[in-house]
C-alpha atoms as a PDB file:
ATOM      1  CA  UNK A   1     -20.158  -7.723   3.938  1.00  0.00           C
ATOM      2  CA  UNK A   2     -16.550  -6.597   3.972  1.00  0.00           C
ATOM      3  CA  UNK A   3     -16.252  -4.777   7.302  1.00  0.00           C
ATOM      4  CA  UNK A   4     -12.721  -3.560   6.551  1.00  0.00           C
ATOM      5  CA  UNK A   5     -13.897  -1.763   3.386  1.00  0.00           C
ATOM      6  CA  UNK A   6     -16.977  -0.387   5.119  1.00  0.00           C
ATOM      7  CA  UNK A   7     -14.989   1.067   8.016  1.00  0.00           C
ATOM      8  CA  UNK A   8     -12.039   2.221   5.912  1.00  0.00           C
ATOM      9  CA  UNK A   9     -14.163   3.813   3.210  1.00  0.00           C
ATOM     10  CA  UNK A  10     -16.665   5.226   5.675  1.00  0.00           C
ATOM     11  CA  UNK A  11     -14.114   6.876   7.948  1.00  0.00           C
ATOM     12  CA  UNK A  12     -11.941   8.258   5.149  1.00  0.00           C
ATOM     13  CA  UNK A  13     -15.042   9.311   3.186  1.00  0.00           C
ATOM     14  CA  UNK A  14     -16.612  11.067   6.165  1.00  0.00           C
ATOM     15  CA  UNK A  15     -13.455  12.957   7.044  1.00  0.00           C
ATOM     16  CA  UNK A  16     -12.863  13.950   3.412  1.00  0.00           C
ATOM     17  CA  UNK A  17     -16.490  15.111   3.076  1.00  0.00           C
ATOM     18  CA  UNK A  18     -16.149  17.192   6.254  1.00  0.00           C
ATOM     19  CA  UNK A  19     -12.944  18.832   5.004  1.00  0.00           C
ATOM     20  CA  UNK A  20     -14.232  19.382   1.453  1.00  0.00           C
ATOM     21  CA  UNK A  21     -17.424  20.908   2.851  1.00  0.00           C
ATOM     22  CA  UNK A  22     -15.421  23.207   5.116  1.00  0.00           C
ATOM     23  CA  UNK A  23     -13.292  24.376   2.194  1.00  0.00           C
ATOM     24  CA  UNK A  24     -16.194  24.938  -0.201  1.00  0.00           C
ATOM     25  CA  UNK A  25     -19.035  26.090   2.048  1.00  0.00           C
ATOM     26  CA  UNK A  26     -16.965  27.568   4.853  1.00  0.00           C
ATOM     27  CA  UNK A  27     -14.385  29.385   2.745  1.00  0.00           C
ATOM     28  CA  UNK A  28     -15.121  29.583  -0.976  1.00  0.00           C
ATOM     29  CA  UNK A  29     -18.912  30.017  -0.886  1.00  0.00           C
ATOM     30  CA  UNK A  30     -19.391  31.691   2.499  1.00  0.00           C
ATOM     31  CA  UNK A  31     -20.954  34.737   0.819  1.00  0.00           C
ATOM     32  CA  UNK A  32     -23.658  32.546  -0.748  1.00  0.00           C
ATOM     33  CA  UNK A  33     -24.270  30.545   2.416  1.00  0.00           C
ATOM     34  CA  UNK A  34     -23.813  33.003   5.303  1.00  0.00           C
ATOM     35  CA  UNK A  35     -23.945  31.634   8.815  1.00  0.00           C
ATOM     36  CA  UNK A  36     -24.383  33.642  11.967  1.00  0.00           C
ATOM     37  CA  UNK A  37     -21.254  33.392  14.080  1.00  0.00           C
ATOM     38  CA  UNK A  38     -21.641  30.767  16.764  1.00  0.00           C
ATOM     39  CA  UNK A  39     -24.841  29.184  15.416  1.00  0.00           C
ATOM     40  CA  UNK A  40     -23.212  26.218  13.674  1.00  0.00           C
ATOM     41  CA  UNK A  41     -22.708  23.032  15.622  1.00  0.00           C
ATOM     42  CA  UNK A  42     -19.564  21.340  14.337  1.00  0.00           C
ATOM     43  CA  UNK A  43     -20.393  18.125  16.175  1.00  0.00           C
ATOM     44  CA  UNK A  44     -23.539  17.632  14.122  1.00  0.00           C
ATOM     45  CA  UNK A  45     -21.800  18.727  10.926  1.00  0.00           C
ATOM     46  CA  UNK A  46     -19.089  16.136  11.583  1.00  0.00           C
ATOM     47  CA  UNK A  47     -21.624  13.405  12.433  1.00  0.00           C
ATOM     48  CA  UNK A  48     -23.579  14.202   9.260  1.00  0.00           C
ATOM     49  CA  UNK A  49     -20.375  14.031   7.229  1.00  0.00           C
ATOM     50  CA  UNK A  50     -19.456  10.706   8.783  1.00  0.00           C
ATOM     51  CA  UNK A  51     -22.904   9.250   8.081  1.00  0.00           C
ATOM     52  CA  UNK A  52     -22.626  10.350   4.434  1.00  0.00           C
ATOM     53  CA  UNK A  53     -19.149   8.810   4.288  1.00  0.00           C
ATOM     54  CA  UNK A  54     -20.487   5.536   5.678  1.00  0.00           C
ATOM     55  CA  UNK A  55     -23.310   5.597   3.113  1.00  0.00           C
ATOM     56  CA  UNK A  56     -20.651   5.719   0.395  1.00  0.00           C
ATOM     57  CA  UNK A  57     -18.543   3.093   2.139  1.00  0.00           C
ATOM     58  CA  UNK A  58     -21.529   0.762   2.430  1.00  0.00           C
ATOM     59  CA  UNK A  59     -22.668   1.210  -1.181  1.00  0.00           C
ATOM     60  CA  UNK A  60     -19.143   0.865  -2.532  1.00  0.00           C
ATOM     61  CA  UNK A  61     -18.342  -2.300  -0.588  1.00  0.00           C
ATOM     62  CA  UNK A  62     -21.598  -3.871  -1.808  1.00  0.00           C
ATOM     63  CA  UNK A  63     -20.614  -3.144  -5.414  1.00  0.00           C
ATOM     64  CA  UNK A  64     -17.219  -4.724  -5.952  1.00  0.00           C
ATOM     65  CA  UNK A  65     -16.811  -2.824  -9.242  1.00  0.00           C
ATOM     66  CA  UNK A  66     -16.321   0.470  -7.391  1.00  0.00           C
ATOM     67  CA  UNK A  67     -12.662   0.228  -6.535  1.00  0.00           C
ATOM     68  CA  UNK A  68     -11.040   2.688  -8.909  1.00  0.00           C
ATOM     69  CA  UNK A  69     -11.002   6.466  -9.141  1.00  0.00           C
ATOM     70  CA  UNK A  70     -13.173   6.870 -12.253  1.00  0.00           C
ATOM     71  CA  UNK A  71     -15.861   4.435 -11.097  1.00  0.00           C
ATOM     72  CA  UNK A  72     -15.864   6.217  -7.720  1.00  0.00           C
ATOM     73  CA  UNK A  73     -16.362   9.591  -9.390  1.00  0.00           C
ATOM     74  CA  UNK A  74     -19.298   8.256 -11.412  1.00  0.00           C
ATOM     75  CA  UNK A  75     -20.928   6.592  -8.412  1.00  0.00           C
ATOM     76  CA  UNK A  76     -20.271   9.620  -6.200  1.00  0.00           C
ATOM     77  CA  UNK A  77     -21.827  11.889  -8.800  1.00  0.00           C
ATOM     78  CA  UNK A  78     -24.976   9.754  -8.986  1.00  0.00           C
ATOM     79  CA  UNK A  79     -25.343   9.356  -5.231  1.00  0.00           C
ATOM     80  CA  UNK A  80     -24.625  13.055  -4.724  1.00  0.00           C
ATOM     81  CA  UNK A  81     -27.193  14.097  -7.318  1.00  0.00           C
ATOM     82  CA  UNK A  82     -30.082  12.158  -5.837  1.00  0.00           C
ATOM     83  CA  UNK A  83     -29.283  12.801  -2.172  1.00  0.00           C
ATOM     84  CA  UNK A  84     -28.818  16.527  -2.811  1.00  0.00           C
ATOM     85  CA  UNK A  85     -32.064  16.870  -4.747  1.00  0.00           C
ATOM     86  CA  UNK A  86     -33.873  14.884  -2.074  1.00  0.00           C
ATOM     87  CA  UNK A  87     -32.650  17.197   0.695  1.00  0.00           C
ATOM     88  CA  UNK A  88     -33.147  20.437  -1.249  1.00  0.00           C
ATOM     89  CA  UNK A  89     -36.699  19.593  -2.297  1.00  0.00           C
ATOM     90  CA  UNK A  90     -37.700  18.805   1.269  1.00  0.00           C
ATOM     91  CA  UNK A  91     -35.992  21.957   2.559  1.00  0.00           C
ATOM     92  CA  UNK A  92     -37.827  24.018  -0.076  1.00  0.00           C
ATOM     93  CA  UNK A  93     -41.114  22.709   1.276  1.00  0.00           C
ATOM     94  CA  UNK A  94     -40.719  24.914   4.361  1.00  0.00           C
ATOM     95  CA  UNK A  95     -39.420  28.034   2.622  1.00  0.00           C
ATOM     96  CA  UNK A  96     -41.810  30.914   1.924  1.00  0.00           C
ATOM     97  CA  UNK A  97     -39.616  32.041  -0.981  1.00  0.00           C
ATOM     98  CA  UNK A  98     -37.348  29.763  -2.984  1.00  0.00           C
ATOM     99  CA  UNK A  99     -33.999  30.973  -4.314  1.00  0.00           C
ATOM    100  CA  UNK A 100     -33.498  28.815  -7.407  1.00  0.00           C
ATOM    101  CA  UNK A 101     -30.010  30.218  -8.064  1.00  0.00           C
ATOM    102  CA  UNK A 102     -28.909  29.184  -4.581  1.00  0.00           C
ATOM    103  CA  UNK A 103     -30.397  25.713  -5.097  1.00  0.00           C
ATOM    104  CA  UNK A 104     -28.443  25.318  -8.340  1.00  0.00           C
ATOM    105  CA  UNK A 105     -25.191  26.474  -6.694  1.00  0.00           C
ATOM    106  CA  UNK A 106     -25.768  24.098  -3.785  1.00  0.00           C
ATOM    107  CA  UNK A 107     -26.529  21.190  -6.113  1.00  0.00           C
ATOM    108  CA  UNK A 108     -23.442  21.763  -8.266  1.00  0.00           C
ATOM    109  CA  UNK A 109     -21.265  22.149  -5.181  1.00  0.00           C
ATOM    110  CA  UNK A 110     -22.554  18.921  -3.653  1.00  0.00           C
ATOM    111  CA  UNK A 111     -22.073  17.093  -6.956  1.00  0.00           C
ATOM    112  CA  UNK A 112     -18.420  18.122  -7.045  1.00  0.00           C
ATOM    113  CA  UNK A 113     -17.836  17.255  -3.383  1.00  0.00           C
ATOM    114  CA  UNK A 114     -19.658  13.916  -3.716  1.00  0.00           C
ATOM    115  CA  UNK A 115     -17.731  12.993  -6.857  1.00  0.00           C
ATOM    116  CA  UNK A 116     -14.414  13.792  -5.148  1.00  0.00           C
ATOM    117  CA  UNK A 117     -15.426  11.847  -2.065  1.00  0.00           C
ATOM    118  CA  UNK A 118     -16.527   8.962  -4.299  1.00  0.00           C
ATOM    119  CA  UNK A 119     -13.079   8.890  -5.883  1.00  0.00           C
ATOM    120  CA  UNK A 120     -11.418   8.883  -2.461  1.00  0.00           C
ATOM    121  CA  UNK A 121     -13.632   6.097  -1.065  1.00  0.00           C
ATOM    122  CA  UNK A 122     -13.146   4.017  -4.237  1.00  0.00           C
ATOM    123  CA  UNK A 123      -9.371   4.322  -4.058  1.00  0.00           C
ATOM    124  CA  UNK A 124      -9.415   3.352  -0.366  1.00  0.00           C
ATOM    125  CA  UNK A 125     -11.628   0.356  -1.137  1.00  0.00           C
ATOM    126  CA  UNK A 126      -9.334  -0.615  -4.002  1.00  0.00           C
ATOM    127  CA  UNK A 127      -6.331  -0.547  -1.682  1.00  0.00           C
ATOM    128  CA  UNK A 128      -8.169  -2.627   0.944  1.00  0.00           C
ATOM    129  CA  UNK A 129      -8.997  -5.398  -1.555  1.00  0.00           C
END
């Protein structure tokens, strides 16, 4: 295991995911995903972002072929697709009424964010080689 790639990719990936999520969910899509003022806990949002970043860092350092922007986008897209569907399906289990349009918007948003984060982590890993 390459600890330098894991830490570098994980930290940069987590921070980029946090910032991309803030821009998309907190600014661009805030009408679709309203949040009561003061109910969000930024500590847990940041820790969740960092854990997702470290997931990417770990997967990318295991697969030496993910060290360039395009391969990072492809891998980020795939990881983002399956992790997003996993979370959304389990969240839907507890909802009395399911908003399919909102699920589609959330999935597409996460795919874009994950692909961008995948590109960032791949470039960082490529530089750390």
